[in-house]
Amino acid sequence: MKTGNTFLFLLFLLSGRLMLTAVAEQLSTQEAAFLCQEAEQFFHQANEIFRQEPARARELTQRAAARYERVIAESSLHNGPLYYNLGNIYFKMGDLGRAILNYRRAQQLNPNDRQLLQNLQFARAQRQDSFREPEQTRIMQTIFFLHYDFSPTTRQRLFLCLYILSFLLGTVMIWYKPTWLKVSFGIVAALTVTLALSLYITLHELRSKRPGVVLAREVVARKGDGESYAPSFNTPLHAGTEFILLEQRDGWSEVSLPDGQRTWLPNQSFALLWEEEH
């Protein structure tokens, strides 16, 4: 009995030491910033010698990517510029899947960056796979342009302005109620409610949907969760294809493609924008 208690005590001490070691291995803010600075320097150097020394330039680019990836894995420094820079590096390396993945991450953290959106659109244009959105989706995007064409930040600002304006108009209407004021109040109130619903839908989608990107150069999409199932398409999917995760089962995931088709992919062929706990 005594021996058993001693063993449990030693096991407890060992597990505690391992936990402290894991915490100690986390990068400090200064170390993360230094690695980011190094990564930027390597990338700039690679761009300068790209034509004269392509092999050396590729090595520097890989070192820059490794430093950014270490910062993401071992620190709490996660922001739009970091993922944007990493997306640029992977695009330079010809890794279209990881470029789009990190551009998408940067977009969620910094949705109003025009240069980022241009780079993302350009990277998407290089993909081998193309999908036609369902007609219903295109109609919805046209009708509800306010929701689809404006970023969440812009809609938040519009909502705040319209909310304040509707409050002021409502206050004035307590004493003064001409027809034009009632019509104006109705329009402003309707737009305020519409924006509120739009923001709620966006928040719900961010919490419930799990988008991902194919990283493998090509992968055979199948009709079920295993190699024994027939391929879903005549040709494989390629790096950069985006999807929404629906279900995961035994190393495979069912996903929804941009055109609404469903298929199964092996988990090692893709990455999600964020892990579930993000």
C-alpha atoms as a PDB file:
ATOM      1  CA  MET A   1       0.000   0.000   0.000  1.00  0.00           C
ATOM      2  CA  LYS A   2       2.848   2.308   0.925  1.00  0.00           C
ATOM      3  CA  THR A   3       4.676   1.490  -2.296  1.00  0.00           C
ATOM      4  CA  GLY A   4       1.566   2.292  -4.304  1.00  0.00           C
ATOM      5  CA  ASN A   5       1.175   5.688  -2.675  1.00  0.00           C
ATOM      6  CA  THR A   6       4.834   6.483  -3.329  1.00  0.00           C
ATOM      7  CA  PHE A   7       4.407   5.565  -6.985  1.00  0.00           C
ATOM      8  CA  LEU A   8       1.352   7.801  -7.339  1.00  0.00           C
ATOM      9  CA  PHE A   9       3.198  10.668  -5.656  1.00  0.00           C
ATOM     10  CA  LEU A  10       6.164  10.344  -8.027  1.00  0.00           C
ATOM     11  CA  LEU A  11       3.781  10.141 -10.994  1.00  0.00           C
ATOM     12  CA  PHE A  12       2.073  13.337  -9.821  1.00  0.00           C
ATOM     13  CA  LEU A  13       5.424  15.137  -9.532  1.00  0.00           C
ATOM     14  CA  LEU A  14       6.480  13.961 -12.978  1.00  0.00           C
ATOM     15  CA  SER A  15       3.223  15.109 -14.634  1.00  0.00           C
ATOM     16  CA  GLY A  16       3.513  18.481 -12.896  1.00  0.00           C
ATOM     17  CA  ARG A  17       7.063  18.886 -14.160  1.00  0.00           C
ATOM     18  CA  LEU A  18       5.985  18.051 -17.708  1.00  0.00           C
ATOM     19  CA  MET A  19       3.215  20.671 -17.511  1.00  0.00           C
ATOM     20  CA  LEU A  20       5.662  23.304 -16.274  1.00  0.00           C
ATOM     21  CA  THR A  21       8.076  22.396 -19.077  1.00  0.00           C
ATOM     22  CA  ALA A  22       5.300  22.785 -21.670  1.00  0.00           C
ATOM     23  CA  VAL A  23       4.416  26.216 -20.271  1.00  0.00           C
ATOM     24  CA  ALA A  24       8.081  27.211 -20.207  1.00  0.00           C
ATOM     25  CA  GLU A  25       8.444  26.289 -23.883  1.00  0.00           C
ATOM     26  CA  GLN A  26       5.876  28.903 -24.904  1.00  0.00           C
ATOM     27  CA  LEU A  27       7.480  31.870 -26.641  1.00  0.00           C
ATOM     28  CA  SER A  28       7.445  35.200 -24.864  1.00  0.00           C
ATOM     29  CA  THR A  29       6.090  38.277 -26.637  1.00  0.00           C
ATOM     30  CA  GLN A  30       9.631  39.508 -27.253  1.00  0.00           C
ATOM     31  CA  GLU A  31      10.760  36.162 -28.678  1.00  0.00           C
ATOM     32  CA  ALA A  32       7.728  35.989 -30.964  1.00  0.00           C
ATOM     33  CA  ALA A  33       8.324  39.547 -32.185  1.00  0.00           C
ATOM     34  CA  PHE A  34      11.994  38.734 -32.843  1.00  0.00           C
ATOM     35  CA  LEU A  35      11.070  35.652 -34.885  1.00  0.00           C
ATOM     36  CA  CYS A  36       8.581  37.721 -36.914  1.00  0.00           C
ATOM     37  CA  GLN A  37      11.286  40.308 -37.577  1.00  0.00           C
ATOM     38  CA  GLU A  38      13.680  37.568 -38.677  1.00  0.00           C
ATOM     39  CA  ALA A  39      11.013  36.104 -40.961  1.00  0.00           C
ATOM     40  CA  GLU A  40      10.444  39.492 -42.615  1.00  0.00           C
ATOM     41  CA  GLN A  41      14.180  39.939 -43.150  1.00  0.00           C
ATOM     42  CA  PHE A  42      14.551  36.478 -44.692  1.00  0.00           C
ATOM     43  CA  PHE A  43      11.608  37.113 -47.019  1.00  0.00           C
ATOM     44  CA  HIS A  44      12.960  40.500 -48.147  1.00  0.00           C
ATOM     45  CA  GLN A  45      16.381  38.987 -48.764  1.00  0.00           C
ATOM     46  CA  ALA A  46      14.805  36.189 -50.772  1.00  0.00           C
ATOM     47  CA  ASN A  47      12.968  38.681 -52.975  1.00  0.00           C
ATOM     48  CA  GLU A  48      16.183  40.611 -53.603  1.00  0.00           C
ATOM     49  CA  ILE A  49      18.189  37.585 -54.808  1.00  0.00           C
ATOM     50  CA  PHE A  50      15.314  35.649 -56.378  1.00  0.00           C
ATOM     51  CA  ARG A  51      16.628  35.970 -59.957  1.00  0.00           C
ATOM     52  CA  GLN A  52      20.349  35.687 -59.220  1.00  0.00           C
ATOM     53  CA  GLU A  53      20.236  32.858 -56.640  1.00  0.00           C
ATOM     54  CA  PRO A  54      16.880  31.032 -56.853  1.00  0.00           C
ATOM     55  CA  ALA A  55      18.005  28.102 -54.683  1.00  0.00           C
ATOM     56  CA  ARG A  56      19.230  30.403 -51.911  1.00  0.00           C
ATOM     57  CA  ALA A  57      16.086  32.512 -52.230  1.00  0.00           C
ATOM     58  CA  ARG A  58      13.889  29.436 -51.769  1.00  0.00           C
ATOM     59  CA  GLU A  59      15.880  28.415 -48.694  1.00  0.00           C
ATOM     60  CA  LEU A  60      15.404  31.873 -47.154  1.00  0.00           C
ATOM     61  CA  THR A  61      11.695  31.775 -47.967  1.00  0.00           C
ATOM     62  CA  GLN A  62      11.335  28.395 -46.263  1.00  0.00           C
ATOM     63  CA  ARG A  63      13.156  29.714 -43.197  1.00  0.00           C
ATOM     64  CA  ALA A  64      10.786  32.689 -43.085  1.00  0.00           C
ATOM     65  CA  ALA A  65       7.754  30.387 -43.251  1.00  0.00           C
ATOM     66  CA  ALA A  66       9.175  28.162 -40.497  1.00  0.00           C
ATOM     67  CA  ARG A  67       9.596  31.122 -38.163  1.00  0.00           C
ATOM     68  CA  TYR A  68       6.064  32.370 -38.711  1.00  0.00           C
ATOM     69  CA  GLU A  69       4.695  28.863 -38.193  1.00  0.00           C
ATOM     70  CA  ARG A  70       6.629  28.581 -34.929  1.00  0.00           C
ATOM     71  CA  VAL A  71       5.198  31.882 -33.715  1.00  0.00           C
ATOM     72  CA  ILE A  72       1.670  30.644 -34.471  1.00  0.00           C
ATOM     73  CA  ALA A  73       2.274  27.276 -32.798  1.00  0.00           C
ATOM     74  CA  GLU A  74       4.164  28.444 -29.722  1.00  0.00           C
ATOM     75  CA  SER A  75       2.868  31.909 -28.873  1.00  0.00           C
ATOM     76  CA  SER A  76      -0.336  33.862 -28.371  1.00  0.00           C
ATOM     77  CA  LEU A  77       0.595  36.283 -31.174  1.00  0.00           C
ATOM     78  CA  HIS A  78      -2.130  35.667 -33.750  1.00  0.00           C
ATOM     79  CA  ASN A  79      -3.110  38.663 -35.869  1.00  0.00           C
ATOM     80  CA  GLY A  80      -4.049  39.617 -39.399  1.00  0.00           C
ATOM     81  CA  PRO A  81      -0.617  40.875 -40.554  1.00  0.00           C
ATOM     82  CA  LEU A  82       1.076  37.676 -39.362  1.00  0.00           C
ATOM     83  CA  TYR A  83      -1.244  35.404 -41.366  1.00  0.00           C
ATOM     84  CA  TYR A  84      -1.124  37.819 -44.321  1.00  0.00           C
ATOM     85  CA  ASN A  85       2.680  37.700 -44.422  1.00  0.00           C
ATOM     86  CA  LEU A  86       2.637  33.921 -44.127  1.00  0.00           C
ATOM     87  CA  GLY A  87       0.130  33.741 -46.987  1.00  0.00           C
ATOM     88  CA  ASN A  88       2.447  35.860 -49.149  1.00  0.00           C
ATOM     89  CA  ILE A  89       5.362  33.567 -48.345  1.00  0.00           C
ATOM     90  CA  TYR A  90       3.478  30.406 -49.251  1.00  0.00           C
ATOM     91  CA  PHE A  91       2.209  31.998 -52.454  1.00  0.00           C
ATOM     92  CA  LYS A  92       5.802  32.858 -53.356  1.00  0.00           C
ATOM     93  CA  MET A  93       6.734  29.235 -52.689  1.00  0.00           C
ATOM     94  CA  GLY A  94       3.977  28.014 -54.989  1.00  0.00           C
ATOM     95  CA  ASP A  95       2.031  26.427 -52.115  1.00  0.00           C
ATOM     96  CA  LEU A  96      -1.401  27.632 -53.183  1.00  0.00           C
ATOM     97  CA  GLY A  97      -3.331  25.722 -50.516  1.00  0.00           C
ATOM     98  CA  ARG A  98      -1.450  27.185 -47.562  1.00  0.00           C
ATOM     99  CA  ALA A  99      -1.435  30.624 -49.182  1.00  0.00           C
ATOM    100  CA  ILE A 100      -5.241  30.699 -49.429  1.00  0.00           C
ATOM    101  CA  LEU A 101      -5.570  29.149 -45.957  1.00  0.00           C
ATOM    102  CA  ASN A 102      -3.542  31.941 -44.342  1.00  0.00           C
ATOM    103  CA  TYR A 103      -5.121  34.687 -46.452  1.00  0.00           C
ATOM    104  CA  ARG A 104      -8.520  33.447 -45.244  1.00  0.00           C
ATOM    105  CA  ARG A 105      -7.337  33.505 -41.640  1.00  0.00           C
ATOM    106  CA  ALA A 106      -6.026  37.026 -42.095  1.00  0.00           C
ATOM    107  CA  GLN A 107      -9.302  38.052 -43.728  1.00  0.00           C
ATOM    108  CA  GLN A 108     -11.331  36.953 -40.699  1.00  0.00           C
ATOM    109  CA  LEU A 109      -9.087  38.965 -38.396  1.00  0.00           C
ATOM    110  CA  ASN A 110      -8.753  41.992 -40.679  1.00  0.00           C
ATOM    111  CA  PRO A 111     -11.716  41.993 -43.103  1.00  0.00           C
ATOM    112  CA  ASN A 112     -11.231  45.549 -44.419  1.00  0.00           C
ATOM    113  CA  ASP A 113      -7.684  45.182 -45.755  1.00  0.00           C
ATOM    114  CA  ARG A 114      -7.995  45.846 -49.498  1.00  0.00           C
ATOM    115  CA  GLN A 115      -4.517  44.573 -50.373  1.00  0.00           C
ATOM    116  CA  LEU A 116      -5.258  41.339 -48.535  1.00  0.00           C
ATOM    117  CA  LEU A 117      -8.538  40.891 -50.441  1.00  0.00           C
ATOM    118  CA  GLN A 118      -6.742  41.512 -53.752  1.00  0.00           C
ATOM    119  CA  ASN A 119      -4.087  38.919 -52.927  1.00  0.00           C
ATOM    120  CA  LEU A 120      -6.751  36.415 -51.874  1.00  0.00           C
ATOM    121  CA  GLN A 121      -8.711  36.939 -55.090  1.00  0.00           C
ATOM    122  CA  PHE A 122      -5.538  36.591 -57.167  1.00  0.00           C
ATOM    123  CA  ALA A 123      -4.574  33.370 -55.377  1.00  0.00           C
ATOM    124  CA  ARG A 124      -8.069  31.964 -55.885  1.00  0.00           C
ATOM    125  CA  ALA A 125      -7.793  32.717 -59.595  1.00  0.00           C
ATOM    126  CA  GLN A 126      -4.770  30.384 -59.815  1.00  0.00           C
ATOM    127  CA  ARG A 127      -6.676  27.321 -58.601  1.00  0.00           C
ATOM    128  CA  GLN A 128      -7.224  24.346 -60.901  1.00  0.00           C
ATOM    129  CA  ASP A 129     -10.700  23.597 -59.574  1.00  0.00           C
ATOM    130  CA  SER A 130     -13.616  25.906 -60.278  1.00  0.00           C
ATOM    131  CA  PHE A 131     -17.132  25.644 -58.909  1.00  0.00           C
ATOM    132  CA  ARG A 132     -20.265  27.387 -60.053  1.00  0.00           C
ATOM    133  CA  GLU A 133     -22.361  28.676 -57.179  1.00  0.00           C
ATOM    134  CA  PRO A 134     -25.977  27.484 -57.164  1.00  0.00           C
ATOM    135  CA  GLU A 135     -28.426  29.850 -58.861  1.00  0.00           C
ATOM    136  CA  GLN A 136     -30.286  30.285 -55.585  1.00  0.00           C
ATOM    137  CA  THR A 137     -27.122  31.522 -53.866  1.00  0.00           C
ATOM    138  CA  ARG A 138     -26.447  34.111 -56.581  1.00  0.00           C
ATOM    139  CA  ILE A 139     -30.038  35.368 -56.355  1.00  0.00           C
ATOM    140  CA  MET A 140     -29.756  35.670 -52.570  1.00  0.00           C
ATOM    141  CA  GLN A 141     -26.490  37.605 -52.898  1.00  0.00           C
ATOM    142  CA  THR A 142     -28.142  40.034 -55.305  1.00  0.00           C
ATOM    143  CA  ILE A 143     -31.230  40.606 -53.170  1.00  0.00           C
ATOM    144  CA  PHE A 144     -29.402  40.845 -49.859  1.00  0.00           C
ATOM    145  CA  PHE A 145     -26.417  42.793 -51.176  1.00  0.00           C
ATOM    146  CA  LEU A 146     -26.151  44.670 -47.874  1.00  0.00           C
ATOM    147  CA  HIS A 147     -25.249  41.421 -46.132  1.00  0.00           C
ATOM    148  CA  TYR A 148     -22.942  39.982 -48.787  1.00  0.00           C
ATOM    149  CA  ASP A 149     -21.197  43.084 -50.202  1.00  0.00           C
ATOM    150  CA  PHE A 150     -20.298  44.853 -46.957  1.00  0.00           C
ATOM    151  CA  SER A 151     -17.766  43.605 -44.421  1.00  0.00           C
ATOM    152  CA  PRO A 152     -18.887  42.894 -40.830  1.00  0.00           C
ATOM    153  CA  THR A 153     -16.996  45.969 -39.602  1.00  0.00           C
ATOM    154  CA  THR A 154     -18.756  48.233 -42.111  1.00  0.00           C
ATOM    155  CA  ARG A 155     -22.134  46.761 -41.172  1.00  0.00           C
ATOM    156  CA  GLN A 156     -21.402  47.287 -37.476  1.00  0.00           C
ATOM    157  CA  ARG A 157     -20.659  50.954 -38.091  1.00  0.00           C
ATOM    158  CA  LEU A 158     -23.754  51.399 -40.237  1.00  0.00           C
ATOM    159  CA  PHE A 159     -25.887  49.695 -37.600  1.00  0.00           C
ATOM    160  CA  LEU A 160     -24.560  51.971 -34.859  1.00  0.00           C
ATOM    161  CA  CYS A 161     -25.179  55.112 -36.920  1.00  0.00           C
ATOM    162  CA  LEU A 162     -28.688  54.051 -37.928  1.00  0.00           C
ATOM    163  CA  TYR A 163     -29.518  52.984 -34.383  1.00  0.00           C
ATOM    164  CA  ILE A 164     -28.563  56.404 -33.041  1.00  0.00           C
ATOM    165  CA  LEU A 165     -30.440  58.111 -35.874  1.00  0.00           C
ATOM    166  CA  SER A 166     -33.591  56.046 -35.262  1.00  0.00           C
ATOM    167  CA  PHE A 167     -33.408  56.900 -31.546  1.00  0.00           C
ATOM    168  CA  LEU A 168     -33.139  60.625 -32.336  1.00  0.00           C
ATOM    169  CA  LEU A 169     -35.988  60.479 -34.848  1.00  0.00           C
ATOM    170  CA  GLY A 170     -38.144  58.568 -32.384  1.00  0.00           C
ATOM    171  CA  THR A 171     -37.441  61.155 -29.698  1.00  0.00           C
ATOM    172  CA  VAL A 172     -38.393  64.033 -32.022  1.00  0.00           C
ATOM    173  CA  MET A 173     -41.613  62.230 -32.982  1.00  0.00           C
ATOM    174  CA  ILE A 174     -42.826  62.462 -29.394  1.00  0.00           C
ATOM    175  CA  TRP A 175     -43.573  66.160 -29.981  1.00  0.00           C
ATOM    176  CA  TYR A 176     -43.507  66.504 -33.776  1.00  0.00           C
ATOM    177  CA  LYS A 177     -45.134  63.977 -36.139  1.00  0.00           C
ATOM    178  CA  PRO A 178     -45.233  65.116 -39.773  1.00  0.00           C
ATOM    179  CA  THR A 179     -45.689  62.451 -42.436  1.00  0.00           C
ATOM    180  CA  TRP A 180     -42.167  62.765 -43.851  1.00  0.00           C
ATOM    181  CA  LEU A 181     -40.696  62.208 -40.393  1.00  0.00           C
ATOM    182  CA  LYS A 182     -42.789  59.085 -39.861  1.00  0.00           C
ATOM    183  CA  VAL A 183     -41.678  57.709 -43.241  1.00  0.00           C
ATOM    184  CA  SER A 184     -38.036  58.518 -42.487  1.00  0.00           C
ATOM    185  CA  PHE A 185     -38.269  56.852 -39.106  1.00  0.00           C
ATOM    186  CA  GLY A 186     -39.832  53.743 -40.665  1.00  0.00           C
ATOM    187  CA  ILE A 187     -37.069  53.452 -43.283  1.00  0.00           C
ATOM    188  CA  VAL A 188     -34.271  53.985 -40.775  1.00  0.00           C
ATOM    189  CA  ALA A 189     -35.824  51.528 -38.308  1.00  0.00           C
ATOM    190  CA  ALA A 190     -36.216  48.885 -41.036  1.00  0.00           C
ATOM    191  CA  LEU A 191     -32.579  49.275 -42.098  1.00  0.00           C
ATOM    192  CA  THR A 192     -31.464  49.078 -38.474  1.00  0.00           C
ATOM    193  CA  VAL A 193     -33.352  45.817 -37.935  1.00  0.00           C
ATOM    194  CA  THR A 194     -32.005  44.432 -41.235  1.00  0.00           C
ATOM    195  CA  LEU A 195     -28.419  45.166 -40.239  1.00  0.00           C
ATOM    196  CA  ALA A 196     -28.984  43.681 -36.797  1.00  0.00           C
ATOM    197  CA  LEU A 197     -30.235  40.445 -38.394  1.00  0.00           C
ATOM    198  CA  SER A 198     -27.325  40.477 -40.844  1.00  0.00           C
ATOM    199  CA  LEU A 199     -24.783  40.786 -38.017  1.00  0.00           C
ATOM    200  CA  TYR A 200     -26.523  38.028 -36.063  1.00  0.00           C
ATOM    201  CA  ILE A 201     -26.358  35.699 -39.088  1.00  0.00           C
ATOM    202  CA  THR A 202     -22.658  36.492 -39.566  1.00  0.00           C
ATOM    203  CA  LEU A 203     -21.933  35.762 -35.907  1.00  0.00           C
ATOM    204  CA  HIS A 204     -23.894  32.505 -36.088  1.00  0.00           C
ATOM    205  CA  GLU A 205     -21.978  31.430 -39.208  1.00  0.00           C
ATOM    206  CA  LEU A 206     -18.627  32.184 -37.581  1.00  0.00           C
ATOM    207  CA  ARG A 207     -19.572  30.042 -34.604  1.00  0.00           C
ATOM    208  CA  SER A 208     -21.225  27.166 -36.424  1.00  0.00           C
ATOM    209  CA  LYS A 209     -19.499  26.835 -39.792  1.00  0.00           C
ATOM    210  CA  ARG A 210     -16.021  25.343 -40.003  1.00  0.00           C
ATOM    211  CA  PRO A 211     -14.388  26.330 -43.297  1.00  0.00           C
ATOM    212  CA  GLY A 212     -11.276  24.616 -44.602  1.00  0.00           C
ATOM    213  CA  VAL A 213      -8.880  24.485 -47.535  1.00  0.00           C
ATOM    214  CA  VAL A 214      -7.365  21.552 -49.420  1.00  0.00           C
ATOM    215  CA  LEU A 215      -3.571  21.553 -48.928  1.00  0.00           C
ATOM    216  CA  ALA A 216      -2.609  18.439 -50.875  1.00  0.00           C
ATOM    217  CA  ARG A 217      -1.549  19.033 -54.471  1.00  0.00           C
ATOM    218  CA  GLU A 218      -4.340  16.679 -55.439  1.00  0.00           C
ATOM    219  CA  VAL A 219      -6.673  14.399 -53.538  1.00  0.00           C
ATOM    220  CA  VAL A 220      -9.339  11.945 -54.653  1.00  0.00           C
ATOM    221  CA  ALA A 221     -12.683  12.926 -53.153  1.00  0.00           C
ATOM    222  CA  ARG A 222     -14.840   9.895 -52.407  1.00  0.00           C
ATOM    223  CA  LYS A 223     -18.503   9.059 -51.858  1.00  0.00           C
ATOM    224  CA  GLY A 224     -17.878   7.701 -48.366  1.00  0.00           C
ATOM    225  CA  ASP A 225     -15.439   7.658 -45.484  1.00  0.00           C
ATOM    226  CA  GLY A 226     -12.834   5.251 -46.873  1.00  0.00           C
ATOM    227  CA  GLU A 227     -10.642   4.283 -49.818  1.00  0.00           C
ATOM    228  CA  SER A 228     -13.089   1.525 -50.718  1.00  0.00           C
ATOM    229  CA  TYR A 229     -15.713   4.057 -51.823  1.00  0.00           C
ATOM    230  CA  ALA A 230     -15.879   5.230 -55.426  1.00  0.00           C
ATOM    231  CA  PRO A 231     -14.521   8.652 -56.372  1.00  0.00           C
ATOM    232  CA  SER A 232     -17.062  11.457 -56.307  1.00  0.00           C
ATOM    233  CA  PHE A 233     -15.673  13.103 -59.449  1.00  0.00           C
ATOM    234  CA  ASN A 234     -13.824  12.112 -62.602  1.00  0.00           C
ATOM    235  CA  THR A 235     -10.785  14.168 -61.564  1.00  0.00           C
ATOM    236  CA  PRO A 236      -9.194  14.791 -58.146  1.00  0.00           C
ATOM    237  CA  LEU A 237      -9.523  18.008 -56.181  1.00  0.00           C
ATOM    238  CA  HIS A 238      -6.474  20.263 -55.989  1.00  0.00           C
ATOM    239  CA  ALA A 239      -4.739  22.588 -53.545  1.00  0.00           C
ATOM    240  CA  GLY A 240      -6.675  25.730 -52.712  1.00  0.00           C
ATOM    241  CA  THR A 241     -10.179  24.267 -52.998  1.00  0.00           C
ATOM    242  CA  GLU A 242     -12.322  25.666 -50.187  1.00  0.00           C
ATOM    243  CA  PHE A 243     -15.144  23.912 -48.384  1.00  0.00           C
ATOM    244  CA  ILE A 244     -17.307  23.792 -45.263  1.00  0.00           C
ATOM    245  CA  LEU A 245     -16.781  20.879 -42.875  1.00  0.00           C
ATOM    246  CA  LEU A 246     -19.936  18.879 -42.170  1.00  0.00           C
ATOM    247  CA  GLU A 247     -18.810  15.760 -40.303  1.00  0.00           C
ATOM    248  CA  GLN A 248     -15.668  13.893 -39.250  1.00  0.00           C
ATOM    249  CA  ARG A 249     -15.387  10.137 -38.940  1.00  0.00           C
ATOM    250  CA  ASP A 250     -12.388   7.767 -38.620  1.00  0.00           C
ATOM    251  CA  GLY A 251      -9.801   9.916 -40.362  1.00  0.00           C
ATOM    252  CA  TRP A 252     -12.225  11.184 -43.009  1.00  0.00           C
ATOM    253  CA  SER A 253     -14.410  14.281 -43.278  1.00  0.00           C
ATOM    254  CA  GLU A 254     -17.582  15.019 -45.171  1.00  0.00           C
ATOM    255  CA  VAL A 255     -17.426  18.483 -46.705  1.00  0.00           C
ATOM    256  CA  SER A 256     -19.640  20.805 -48.709  1.00  0.00           C
ATOM    257  CA  LEU A 257     -18.008  22.351 -51.781  1.00  0.00           C
ATOM    258  CA  PRO A 258     -18.794  25.876 -53.091  1.00  0.00           C
ATOM    259  CA  ASP A 259     -21.340  24.499 -55.573  1.00  0.00           C
ATOM    260  CA  GLY A 260     -23.207  22.645 -52.818  1.00  0.00           C
ATOM    261  CA  GLN A 261     -21.964  19.156 -53.673  1.00  0.00           C
ATOM    262  CA  ARG A 262     -21.000  16.917 -50.770  1.00  0.00           C
ATOM    263  CA  THR A 263     -18.006  14.595 -50.716  1.00  0.00           C
ATOM    264  CA  TRP A 264     -15.515  12.912 -48.373  1.00  0.00           C
ATOM    265  CA  LEU A 265     -11.832  13.827 -47.961  1.00  0.00           C
ATOM    266  CA  PRO A 266      -9.034  12.229 -45.913  1.00  0.00           C
ATOM    267  CA  ASN A 267      -8.177  14.479 -42.964  1.00  0.00           C
ATOM    268  CA  GLN A 268      -4.484  14.696 -43.853  1.00  0.00           C
ATOM    269  CA  SER A 269      -5.326  16.355 -47.190  1.00  0.00           C
ATOM    270  CA  PHE A 270      -6.666  19.631 -45.771  1.00  0.00           C
ATOM    271  CA  ALA A 271      -6.595  22.108 -42.891  1.00  0.00           C
ATOM    272  CA  LEU A 272      -9.398  24.006 -41.185  1.00  0.00           C
ATOM    273  CA  LEU A 273      -9.178  27.767 -40.812  1.00  0.00           C
ATOM    274  CA  TRP A 274      -9.405  27.400 -37.050  1.00  0.00           C
ATOM    275  CA  GLU A 275      -9.472  24.506 -34.675  1.00  0.00           C
ATOM    276  CA  GLU A 276     -12.746  24.026 -32.813  1.00  0.00           C
ATOM    277  CA  GLU A 277     -11.509  25.678 -29.629  1.00  0.00           C
ATOM    278  CA  HIS A 278     -10.357  28.846 -31.447  1.00  0.00           C
END
